[in-house]
Amino acid sequence: MATLLQINSSLFGDNGNSSQLSQEFVQHWKTQHPDGKVVVRDFAKETVPHLDAARVQALFTPEADRTAEQQAVVDYSDRIIAEIQAADAIVIGVPLYNFGVPSTLKAYFDHIARAGVTFKYTETGPVGLLNDKPVYIIAARGGVHKGQPSDTQSQFLTNFLSFVGLKDVRFIYAEGLNMGQKDQAFADAKAAITEGVAA
């Protein structure tokens, strides 16, 4: 049975532009995988803890020496990493906030990047340890940034996902949403989603 991991990072939950397009992706994916399973993480509906000194210390503490509180931190990290490993594909709805990703998505990434678990350092550089699979980025922006120096988000996402082994990153953009271009941007994004799911 195929599994899709859906990650929504809009502050506005289901009403966010990126979330709506992410859900559009899910609906098309379900037509291709009628018996498939969708695992959802919506950061508007769940707390994503940001790293602090105590959490970092927990992740570096040997299992035998962890307190119950430290083990809970590691358990959370292990759980979200396992979800990624078990998925056959991932779709991430990502709005552009102040030229970056939402802080909740960054916090989620911070709990995934673990030396010896999702990446390792070698003599020739870092090697990602997660099983590669298609990662669809639904990038919703109020302005137009694709291919411009202001699009620092796309390179960050590509760099991070590749770092942990997810190299098959595919972007679907919906831009100009606050510039009177929303209808056309959504139509173009939905067409790209249809094409992307079928690929």
Protein backbone atom coordinates (compact mmCIF):
# COMPACT_ATOMS: atom_id res chain seq x y z
CA MET A 1 0.00 0.00 0.00
CA ALA A 2 1.44 3.36 -1.04
CA THR A 3 1.85 6.06 1.61
CA LEU A 4 1.86 9.82 1.12
CA LEU A 5 3.15 12.13 3.86
CA GLN A 6 1.37 15.50 3.71
CA ILE A 7 2.97 18.40 5.56
CA ASN A 8 1.13 21.73 5.83
CA SER A 9 3.04 24.64 7.31
CA SER A 10 0.70 27.59 6.76
CA LEU A 11 -0.26 29.55 9.86
CA PHE A 12 -3.81 29.58 8.53
CA GLY A 13 -4.29 25.82 8.52
CA ASP A 14 -6.77 24.53 5.96
CA ASN A 15 -7.47 28.11 4.79
CA GLY A 16 -3.88 28.76 3.76
CA ASN A 17 -3.16 28.95 0.03
CA SER A 18 -0.38 26.38 0.26
CA SER A 19 -2.61 24.08 2.33
CA GLN A 20 -5.43 24.28 -0.20
CA LEU A 21 -3.07 23.39 -3.02
CA SER A 22 -1.49 20.65 -0.93
CA GLN A 23 -4.94 19.17 -0.45
CA GLU A 24 -5.50 19.39 -4.20
CA PHE A 25 -2.35 17.32 -4.61
CA VAL A 26 -3.65 14.75 -2.11
CA GLN A 27 -6.94 14.38 -3.97
CA HIS A 28 -5.14 13.72 -7.27
CA TRP A 29 -2.75 11.33 -5.54
CA LYS A 30 -5.70 9.38 -4.15
CA THR A 31 -7.09 8.87 -7.65
CA GLN A 32 -3.78 7.25 -8.58
CA HIS A 33 -3.58 5.28 -5.32
CA PRO A 34 -7.18 4.51 -4.23
CA ASP A 35 -5.94 2.13 -1.54
CA GLY A 36 -3.16 4.45 -0.44
CA LYS A 37 -2.62 5.92 3.01
CA VAL A 38 -2.18 9.64 3.72
CA VAL A 39 -0.33 10.68 6.88
CA VAL A 40 -0.93 14.35 7.74
CA ARG A 41 1.14 16.78 9.77
CA ASP A 42 -0.45 20.23 9.99
CA PHE A 43 1.64 22.68 11.98
CA ALA A 44 -1.33 25.01 12.52
CA LYS A 45 -3.01 22.19 14.46
CA GLU A 46 -0.08 20.68 16.35
CA THR A 47 2.77 22.07 18.38
CA VAL A 48 6.18 21.77 16.77
CA PRO A 49 8.77 22.39 19.49
CA HIS A 50 11.63 24.68 18.54
CA LEU A 51 15.08 23.53 19.54
CA ASP A 52 16.58 24.82 22.75
CA ALA A 53 19.63 23.78 24.73
CA ALA A 54 17.75 21.07 26.64
CA ARG A 55 16.38 19.48 23.47
CA VAL A 56 19.75 19.51 21.73
CA GLN A 57 21.32 17.94 24.81
CA ALA A 58 18.65 15.23 24.80
CA LEU A 59 19.39 14.32 21.20
CA PHE A 60 23.09 13.93 22.01
CA THR A 61 22.69 12.01 25.26
CA PRO A 62 23.32 8.25 25.01
CA GLU A 63 20.16 6.20 25.43
CA ALA A 64 21.27 4.63 28.69
CA ASP A 65 21.84 8.06 30.26
CA ARG A 66 18.63 9.81 29.18
CA THR A 67 16.03 11.08 31.58
CA ALA A 68 12.35 10.44 30.82
CA GLU A 69 12.05 14.01 29.54
CA GLN A 70 15.04 13.53 27.24
CA GLN A 71 13.65 10.25 25.94
CA ALA A 72 10.39 12.02 25.03
CA VAL A 73 12.38 14.48 22.90
CA VAL A 74 14.16 11.64 21.09
CA ASP A 75 10.89 9.74 20.67
CA TYR A 76 9.33 12.73 18.88
CA SER A 77 12.31 13.00 16.54
CA ASP A 78 12.34 9.25 15.88
CA ARG A 79 8.61 9.30 15.13
CA ILE A 80 8.72 12.03 12.49
CA ILE A 81 11.82 10.51 10.90
CA ALA A 82 10.06 7.15 10.72
CA GLU A 83 7.11 8.80 8.97
CA ILE A 84 9.44 10.14 6.30
CA GLN A 85 11.15 6.78 5.88
CA ALA A 86 7.81 4.97 5.54
CA ALA A 87 6.39 7.36 2.94
CA ASP A 88 6.56 6.66 -0.78
CA ALA A 89 6.12 10.36 -1.56
CA ILE A 90 5.93 13.62 0.37
CA VAL A 91 4.01 16.83 -0.34
CA ILE A 92 4.86 19.97 1.61
CA GLY A 93 2.68 23.08 1.49
CA VAL A 94 5.01 26.02 2.07
CA PRO A 95 4.06 29.71 2.19
CA LEU A 96 6.82 32.31 1.84
CA TYR A 97 7.12 34.24 5.10
CA ASN A 98 9.62 37.10 5.07
CA PHE A 99 11.76 35.37 2.43
CA GLY A 100 11.92 32.10 4.36
CA VAL A 101 9.95 29.05 5.43
CA PRO A 102 7.57 29.16 8.40
CA SER A 103 9.44 28.77 11.68
CA THR A 104 7.42 25.64 12.46
CA LEU A 105 8.72 23.95 9.31
CA LYS A 106 12.27 24.95 10.22
CA ALA A 107 11.72 23.51 13.71
CA TYR A 108 10.42 20.29 12.16
CA PHE A 109 13.55 20.10 10.01
CA ASP A 110 15.73 20.73 13.06
CA HIS A 111 14.32 17.58 14.68
CA ILE A 112 15.04 15.58 11.52
CA ALA A 113 18.67 16.59 10.96
CA ARG A 114 20.51 14.14 13.22
CA ALA A 115 24.08 13.02 12.64
CA GLY A 116 24.28 9.25 12.39
CA VAL A 117 20.54 8.95 11.90
CA THR A 118 19.56 11.00 8.85
CA PHE A 119 23.03 12.02 7.66
CA LYS A 120 26.66 11.20 8.30
CA TYR A 121 29.95 12.90 7.61
CA THR A 122 32.53 11.13 5.46
CA GLU A 123 35.97 12.00 4.13
CA THR A 124 34.31 13.35 0.99
CA GLY A 125 31.56 15.27 2.74
CA PRO A 126 28.11 14.67 4.22
CA VAL A 127 25.91 11.80 3.01
CA GLY A 128 22.15 11.72 3.52
CA LEU A 129 20.75 8.54 5.07
CA LEU A 130 17.02 8.86 4.36
CA ASN A 131 15.59 6.78 1.53
CA ASP A 132 15.12 9.02 -1.49
CA LYS A 133 11.58 9.58 -2.80
CA PRO A 134 9.71 12.37 -4.61
CA VAL A 135 9.18 15.44 -2.46
CA TYR A 136 6.67 17.89 -3.94
CA ILE A 137 6.98 21.45 -2.66
CA ILE A 138 3.79 23.49 -3.08
CA ALA A 139 5.25 27.00 -2.83
CA ALA A 140 2.65 29.75 -2.36
CA ARG A 141 3.83 33.37 -2.53
CA GLY A 142 2.12 36.73 -2.37
CA GLY A 143 4.69 38.18 -4.76
CA VAL A 144 6.72 36.84 -7.67
CA HIS A 145 10.10 35.40 -6.66
CA LYS A 146 10.79 32.24 -8.69
CA GLY A 147 14.22 32.47 -10.29
CA GLN A 148 14.96 35.77 -8.55
CA PRO A 149 17.55 36.55 -5.85
CA SER A 150 14.65 37.07 -3.45
CA ASP A 151 13.75 33.37 -3.67
CA THR A 152 16.02 32.22 -0.87
CA GLN A 153 13.38 29.69 0.16
CA SER A 154 13.69 27.29 -2.78
CA GLN A 155 17.44 26.87 -2.42
CA PHE A 156 17.15 26.33 1.34
CA LEU A 157 14.55 23.61 0.88
CA THR A 158 16.58 21.90 -1.83
CA ASN A 159 19.77 22.09 0.22
CA PHE A 160 18.23 20.75 3.42
CA LEU A 161 16.26 17.91 1.85
CA SER A 162 19.25 16.82 -0.24
CA PHE A 163 21.45 16.94 2.86
CA VAL A 164 19.36 14.23 4.55
CA GLY A 165 19.06 12.14 1.37
CA LEU A 166 15.88 13.48 -0.26
CA LYS A 167 17.27 14.58 -3.59
CA ASP A 168 14.17 14.20 -5.79
CA VAL A 169 12.67 17.61 -4.97
CA ARG A 170 9.97 18.95 -7.30
CA PHE A 171 8.58 22.48 -6.99
CA ILE A 172 5.08 23.65 -7.89
CA TYR A 173 4.70 27.41 -7.59
CA ALA A 174 1.68 29.63 -7.03
CA GLU A 175 2.94 33.21 -7.15
CA GLY A 176 1.52 36.71 -7.29
CA LEU A 177 -1.32 35.75 -4.97
CA ASN A 178 -1.45 39.26 -3.48
CA MET A 179 -0.95 40.97 -6.82
CA GLY A 180 -4.32 40.23 -8.43
CA GLN A 181 -3.03 37.01 -9.99
CA LYS A 182 -4.51 34.45 -7.60
CA ASP A 183 -7.03 32.86 -10.00
CA GLN A 184 -4.42 32.35 -12.70
CA ALA A 185 -1.76 31.25 -10.22
CA PHE A 186 -4.09 28.63 -8.73
CA ALA A 187 -5.10 27.40 -12.17
CA ASP A 188 -1.46 27.04 -13.21
CA ALA A 189 -0.54 25.32 -9.94
CA LYS A 190 -3.44 22.89 -10.22
CA ALA A 191 -2.40 22.02 -13.77
CA ALA A 192 1.15 21.41 -12.55
CA ILE A 193 -0.18 19.25 -9.71
CA THR A 194 -2.20 17.13 -12.13
CA GLU A 195 0.86 16.68 -14.32
CA GLY A 196 3.15 16.03 -11.36
CA VAL A 197 0.98 13.35 -9.80
CA ALA A 198 0.64 11.56 -13.12
CA ALA A 199 4.40 11.57 -13.70
